[in-house]
């Protein structure tokens, strides 16, 4: 895989085939998250890998735009310590999420993140301990529209570099 191509071509996939992901694919995705970098190498995360459709459906109701979790072949809840105590916590969770999504893309698996707004409802569904917090979950699956993985970027779809980079000072 060419990393630049993956960064440029990866698209959010919200609609999935009703096909399970093979165990080796699931393990490769989860290992990519485990291997991601973290602040001071603390690796302050836990992952809940979810294949059960009833659990995915329940989790899909914990965020206003999390409905795609219900149709995923795999959901991954990224648990962290209290994100309000250390600003790097969510940055590290985001890196784990990005690594998992890029690994999935290389394997032909689509993905998209979901913000979990009803954290205590999610805790009730997934049963994780009080010291852990859930703000991000990922959906994975083979795309319903397989072209979604290789569709070129839309013209004008991204802000141009000159509009977001300031050199040396603002």
C-alpha atoms as a PDB file:
ATOM      1  CA  UNK A   1       0.000   0.000   0.000  1.00  0.00           C
ATOM      2  CA  UNK A   2       1.168   3.488  -0.785  1.00  0.00           C
ATOM      3  CA  UNK A   3       0.396   5.590   2.300  1.00  0.00           C
ATOM      4  CA  UNK A   4      -0.076   8.794   0.275  1.00  0.00           C
ATOM      5  CA  UNK A   5      -2.670   7.049  -1.893  1.00  0.00           C
ATOM      6  CA  UNK A   6      -4.472   5.743   1.175  1.00  0.00           C
ATOM      7  CA  UNK A   7      -4.617   9.206   2.732  1.00  0.00           C
ATOM      8  CA  UNK A   8      -5.806  10.782  -0.521  1.00  0.00           C
ATOM      9  CA  UNK A   9      -8.292   8.073  -1.531  1.00  0.00           C
ATOM     10  CA  UNK A  10      -9.868   6.831   1.716  1.00  0.00           C
ATOM     11  CA  UNK A  11     -13.564   7.626   1.901  1.00  0.00           C
ATOM     12  CA  UNK A  12     -16.128   7.301   4.661  1.00  0.00           C
ATOM     13  CA  UNK A  13     -18.189   4.173   4.054  1.00  0.00           C
ATOM     14  CA  UNK A  14     -21.511   4.055   5.891  1.00  0.00           C
ATOM     15  CA  UNK A  15     -23.322   1.286   4.003  1.00  0.00           C
ATOM     16  CA  UNK A  16     -21.995  -2.246   4.218  1.00  0.00           C
ATOM     17  CA  UNK A  17     -22.567  -5.644   2.677  1.00  0.00           C
ATOM     18  CA  UNK A  18     -24.187  -8.201   4.945  1.00  0.00           C
ATOM     19  CA  UNK A  19     -20.971 -10.233   4.920  1.00  0.00           C
ATOM     20  CA  UNK A  20     -18.852 -11.059   7.977  1.00  0.00           C
ATOM     21  CA  UNK A  21     -15.209 -10.015   8.028  1.00  0.00           C
ATOM     22  CA  UNK A  22     -12.721 -12.901   8.241  1.00  0.00           C
ATOM     23  CA  UNK A  23     -10.921 -13.282  11.581  1.00  0.00           C
ATOM     24  CA  UNK A  24      -7.523 -12.451  10.067  1.00  0.00           C
ATOM     25  CA  UNK A  25      -8.924  -9.167   8.709  1.00  0.00           C
ATOM     26  CA  UNK A  26     -10.459  -8.274  12.082  1.00  0.00           C
ATOM     27  CA  UNK A  27      -7.183  -9.066  13.844  1.00  0.00           C
ATOM     28  CA  UNK A  28      -5.184  -6.959  11.352  1.00  0.00           C
ATOM     29  CA  UNK A  29      -7.510  -3.993  11.957  1.00  0.00           C
ATOM     30  CA  UNK A  30      -7.346  -4.317  15.747  1.00  0.00           C
ATOM     31  CA  UNK A  31      -3.567  -4.792  15.690  1.00  0.00           C
ATOM     32  CA  UNK A  32      -3.190  -1.586  13.682  1.00  0.00           C
ATOM     33  CA  UNK A  33      -4.955   0.290  16.490  1.00  0.00           C
ATOM     34  CA  UNK A  34      -2.852  -1.449  19.125  1.00  0.00           C
ATOM     35  CA  UNK A  35       0.323  -0.501  17.251  1.00  0.00           C
ATOM     36  CA  UNK A  36      -0.566   3.188  16.842  1.00  0.00           C
ATOM     37  CA  UNK A  37       1.540   5.777  18.576  1.00  0.00           C
ATOM     38  CA  UNK A  38       0.442   7.423  21.796  1.00  0.00           C
ATOM     39  CA  UNK A  39       1.614  10.253  24.005  1.00  0.00           C
ATOM     40  CA  UNK A  40       4.604   9.060  26.042  1.00  0.00           C
ATOM     41  CA  UNK A  41       3.775   5.534  24.778  1.00  0.00           C
ATOM     42  CA  UNK A  42       1.115   5.227  27.482  1.00  0.00           C
ATOM     43  CA  UNK A  43      -1.216   3.287  25.148  1.00  0.00           C
ATOM     44  CA  UNK A  44      -4.176   4.396  27.268  1.00  0.00           C
ATOM     45  CA  UNK A  45      -6.921   2.645  25.365  1.00  0.00           C
ATOM     46  CA  UNK A  46      -8.975  -0.496  25.334  1.00  0.00           C
ATOM     47  CA  UNK A  47     -10.968  -1.748  22.363  1.00  0.00           C
ATOM     48  CA  UNK A  48     -14.288  -3.574  22.411  1.00  0.00           C
ATOM     49  CA  UNK A  49     -14.663  -5.479  19.141  1.00  0.00           C
ATOM     50  CA  UNK A  50     -18.344  -6.020  18.380  1.00  0.00           C
ATOM     51  CA  UNK A  51     -19.764  -8.407  15.792  1.00  0.00           C
ATOM     52  CA  UNK A  52     -23.129  -9.116  17.427  1.00  0.00           C
ATOM     53  CA  UNK A  53     -25.793  -7.318  15.367  1.00  0.00           C
ATOM     54  CA  UNK A  54     -28.078  -6.647  18.347  1.00  0.00           C
ATOM     55  CA  UNK A  55     -25.241  -4.963  20.251  1.00  0.00           C
ATOM     56  CA  UNK A  56     -24.249  -2.948  17.167  1.00  0.00           C
ATOM     57  CA  UNK A  57     -27.857  -1.868  16.737  1.00  0.00           C
ATOM     58  CA  UNK A  58     -28.042  -0.742  20.359  1.00  0.00           C
ATOM     59  CA  UNK A  59     -24.763   1.169  20.103  1.00  0.00           C
ATOM     60  CA  UNK A  60     -26.016   2.854  16.918  1.00  0.00           C
ATOM     61  CA  UNK A  61     -28.605   4.677  19.039  1.00  0.00           C
ATOM     62  CA  UNK A  62     -25.938   6.327  21.218  1.00  0.00           C
ATOM     63  CA  UNK A  63     -25.029   9.058  18.755  1.00  0.00           C
ATOM     64  CA  UNK A  64     -27.122  11.252  16.489  1.00  0.00           C
ATOM     65  CA  UNK A  65     -25.232  10.110  13.360  1.00  0.00           C
ATOM     66  CA  UNK A  66     -24.094   6.668  14.560  1.00  0.00           C
ATOM     67  CA  UNK A  67     -26.752   4.715  12.653  1.00  0.00           C
ATOM     68  CA  UNK A  68     -24.145   3.113  10.393  1.00  0.00           C
ATOM     69  CA  UNK A  69     -22.995   0.952  13.328  1.00  0.00           C
ATOM     70  CA  UNK A  70     -26.190  -1.106  12.987  1.00  0.00           C
ATOM     71  CA  UNK A  71     -25.171  -2.309   9.518  1.00  0.00           C
ATOM     72  CA  UNK A  72     -21.476  -2.865  10.204  1.00  0.00           C
ATOM     73  CA  UNK A  73     -19.812  -6.264  10.160  1.00  0.00           C
ATOM     74  CA  UNK A  74     -17.542  -5.047  12.963  1.00  0.00           C
ATOM     75  CA  UNK A  75     -17.813  -2.192  15.394  1.00  0.00           C
ATOM     76  CA  UNK A  76     -14.891  -1.080  17.515  1.00  0.00           C
ATOM     77  CA  UNK A  77     -15.520   0.966  20.641  1.00  0.00           C
ATOM     78  CA  UNK A  78     -12.371   2.885  21.590  1.00  0.00           C
ATOM     79  CA  UNK A  79     -12.302   3.275  25.365  1.00  0.00           C
ATOM     80  CA  UNK A  80     -10.061   5.809  27.077  1.00  0.00           C
ATOM     81  CA  UNK A  81      -9.427   7.128  30.556  1.00  0.00           C
ATOM     82  CA  UNK A  82     -11.390  10.294  31.363  1.00  0.00           C
ATOM     83  CA  UNK A  83     -10.756  12.510  28.312  1.00  0.00           C
ATOM     84  CA  UNK A  84     -11.219  15.694  30.338  1.00  0.00           C
ATOM     85  CA  UNK A  85      -8.164  14.976  32.510  1.00  0.00           C
ATOM     86  CA  UNK A  86      -5.502  14.981  29.783  1.00  0.00           C
ATOM     87  CA  UNK A  87      -5.905  16.620  26.392  1.00  0.00           C
ATOM     88  CA  UNK A  88      -3.753  13.982  24.634  1.00  0.00           C
ATOM     89  CA  UNK A  89      -6.277  11.252  25.464  1.00  0.00           C
ATOM     90  CA  UNK A  90      -8.601  11.937  22.531  1.00  0.00           C
ATOM     91  CA  UNK A  91      -5.679  12.655  20.214  1.00  0.00           C
ATOM     92  CA  UNK A  92      -4.296   9.203  21.008  1.00  0.00           C
ATOM     93  CA  UNK A  93      -7.723   7.598  20.512  1.00  0.00           C
ATOM     94  CA  UNK A  94      -7.961   9.392  17.173  1.00  0.00           C
ATOM     95  CA  UNK A  95      -4.598   8.022  16.099  1.00  0.00           C
ATOM     96  CA  UNK A  96      -5.684   4.484  16.985  1.00  0.00           C
ATOM     97  CA  UNK A  97      -8.869   5.068  14.985  1.00  0.00           C
ATOM     98  CA  UNK A  98      -6.938   6.394  11.985  1.00  0.00           C
ATOM     99  CA  UNK A  99      -4.479   3.496  12.010  1.00  0.00           C
ATOM    100  CA  UNK A 100      -7.363   0.986  12.123  1.00  0.00           C
ATOM    101  CA  UNK A 101      -9.185   2.734   9.280  1.00  0.00           C
ATOM    102  CA  UNK A 102      -6.091   2.838   7.057  1.00  0.00           C
ATOM    103  CA  UNK A 103      -5.373  -0.849   7.734  1.00  0.00           C
ATOM    104  CA  UNK A 104      -8.991  -1.646   6.840  1.00  0.00           C
ATOM    105  CA  UNK A 105      -8.783   0.349   3.597  1.00  0.00           C
ATOM    106  CA  UNK A 106      -5.720  -1.624   2.538  1.00  0.00           C
ATOM    107  CA  UNK A 107      -7.698  -4.846   3.094  1.00  0.00           C
ATOM    108  CA  UNK A 108     -10.690  -3.664   1.047  1.00  0.00           C
ATOM    109  CA  UNK A 109     -12.782  -2.884   4.116  1.00  0.00           C
ATOM    110  CA  UNK A 110     -14.716   0.358   4.447  1.00  0.00           C
ATOM    111  CA  UNK A 111     -14.998   2.315   7.678  1.00  0.00           C
ATOM    112  CA  UNK A 112     -16.314   5.462   9.308  1.00  0.00           C
ATOM    113  CA  UNK A 113     -16.155   6.870  12.852  1.00  0.00           C
ATOM    114  CA  UNK A 114     -19.146   7.637  15.052  1.00  0.00           C
ATOM    115  CA  UNK A 115     -19.252  10.103  17.921  1.00  0.00           C
ATOM    116  CA  UNK A 116     -20.887   8.562  20.966  1.00  0.00           C
ATOM    117  CA  UNK A 117     -22.910  11.286  22.676  1.00  0.00           C
ATOM    118  CA  UNK A 118     -24.867   9.066  25.066  1.00  0.00           C
ATOM    119  CA  UNK A 119     -21.876   7.627  26.893  1.00  0.00           C
ATOM    120  CA  UNK A 120     -23.768   6.159  29.851  1.00  0.00           C
ATOM    121  CA  UNK A 121     -26.258   4.454  27.552  1.00  0.00           C
ATOM    122  CA  UNK A 122     -23.281   2.954  25.695  1.00  0.00           C
ATOM    123  CA  UNK A 123     -21.776   1.843  29.033  1.00  0.00           C
ATOM    124  CA  UNK A 124     -25.037   0.015  29.801  1.00  0.00           C
ATOM    125  CA  UNK A 125     -24.951  -1.740  26.422  1.00  0.00           C
ATOM    126  CA  UNK A 126     -21.253  -2.692  26.490  1.00  0.00           C
ATOM    127  CA  UNK A 127     -20.722  -3.140  30.240  1.00  0.00           C
ATOM    128  CA  UNK A 128     -17.323  -1.462  30.534  1.00  0.00           C
ATOM    129  CA  UNK A 129     -16.020  -0.291  33.946  1.00  0.00           C
ATOM    130  CA  UNK A 130     -16.597   3.217  35.308  1.00  0.00           C
ATOM    131  CA  UNK A 131     -12.957   4.284  34.905  1.00  0.00           C
ATOM    132  CA  UNK A 132     -13.206   3.891  31.119  1.00  0.00           C
ATOM    133  CA  UNK A 133     -14.982   6.328  28.771  1.00  0.00           C
ATOM    134  CA  UNK A 134     -16.377   5.948  25.269  1.00  0.00           C
ATOM    135  CA  UNK A 135     -16.509   8.862  22.836  1.00  0.00           C
ATOM    136  CA  UNK A 136     -15.553   7.195  19.515  1.00  0.00           C
ATOM    137  CA  UNK A 137     -16.710   3.991  17.847  1.00  0.00           C
ATOM    138  CA  UNK A 138     -15.805   2.777  14.378  1.00  0.00           C
ATOM    139  CA  UNK A 139     -17.877   0.867  11.826  1.00  0.00           C
ATOM    140  CA  UNK A 140     -16.158  -1.609   9.497  1.00  0.00           C
ATOM    141  CA  UNK A 141     -17.433  -3.769   6.676  1.00  0.00           C
ATOM    142  CA  UNK A 142     -17.152  -4.577   3.026  1.00  0.00           C
ATOM    143  CA  UNK A 143     -18.706  -1.590   1.210  1.00  0.00           C
ATOM    144  CA  UNK A 144     -22.160  -2.039  -0.287  1.00  0.00           C
ATOM    145  CA  UNK A 145     -20.816  -0.008  -3.220  1.00  0.00           C
ATOM    146  CA  UNK A 146     -17.320  -1.431  -3.797  1.00  0.00           C
ATOM    147  CA  UNK A 147     -16.318   1.609  -5.890  1.00  0.00           C
ATOM    148  CA  UNK A 148     -16.442   3.689  -2.675  1.00  0.00           C
ATOM    149  CA  UNK A 149     -12.956   2.441  -1.763  1.00  0.00           C
ATOM    150  CA  UNK A 150     -11.314   3.749  -4.920  1.00  0.00           C
ATOM    151  CA  UNK A 151     -13.418   6.733  -5.966  1.00  0.00           C
ATOM    152  CA  UNK A 152     -11.109   9.680  -6.666  1.00  0.00           C
ATOM    153  CA  UNK A 153     -11.498  12.783  -4.512  1.00  0.00           C
ATOM    154  CA  UNK A 154     -14.127  15.272  -5.619  1.00  0.00           C
ATOM    155  CA  UNK A 155     -12.823  18.412  -7.306  1.00  0.00           C
ATOM    156  CA  UNK A 156     -13.034  21.224  -4.808  1.00  0.00           C
ATOM    157  CA  UNK A 157     -13.908  18.792  -2.032  1.00  0.00           C
ATOM    158  CA  UNK A 158     -10.981  19.721   0.225  1.00  0.00           C
ATOM    159  CA  UNK A 159      -9.630  23.039   1.390  1.00  0.00           C
ATOM    160  CA  UNK A 160      -6.472  23.925  -0.529  1.00  0.00           C
ATOM    161  CA  UNK A 161      -3.161  23.770   1.325  1.00  0.00           C
ATOM    162  CA  UNK A 162      -2.516  27.501   1.015  1.00  0.00           C
ATOM    163  CA  UNK A 163      -5.756  28.209   2.905  1.00  0.00           C
ATOM    164  CA  UNK A 164      -4.790  26.182   5.984  1.00  0.00           C
ATOM    165  CA  UNK A 165      -0.990  26.503   6.306  1.00  0.00           C
ATOM    166  CA  UNK A 166       0.691  29.529   7.842  1.00  0.00           C
ATOM    167  CA  UNK A 167       4.479  29.642   7.685  1.00  0.00           C
ATOM    168  CA  UNK A 168       6.457  30.596  10.782  1.00  0.00           C
ATOM    169  CA  UNK A 169       3.672  32.830  12.194  1.00  0.00           C
ATOM    170  CA  UNK A 170       0.015  33.557  11.517  1.00  0.00           C
END
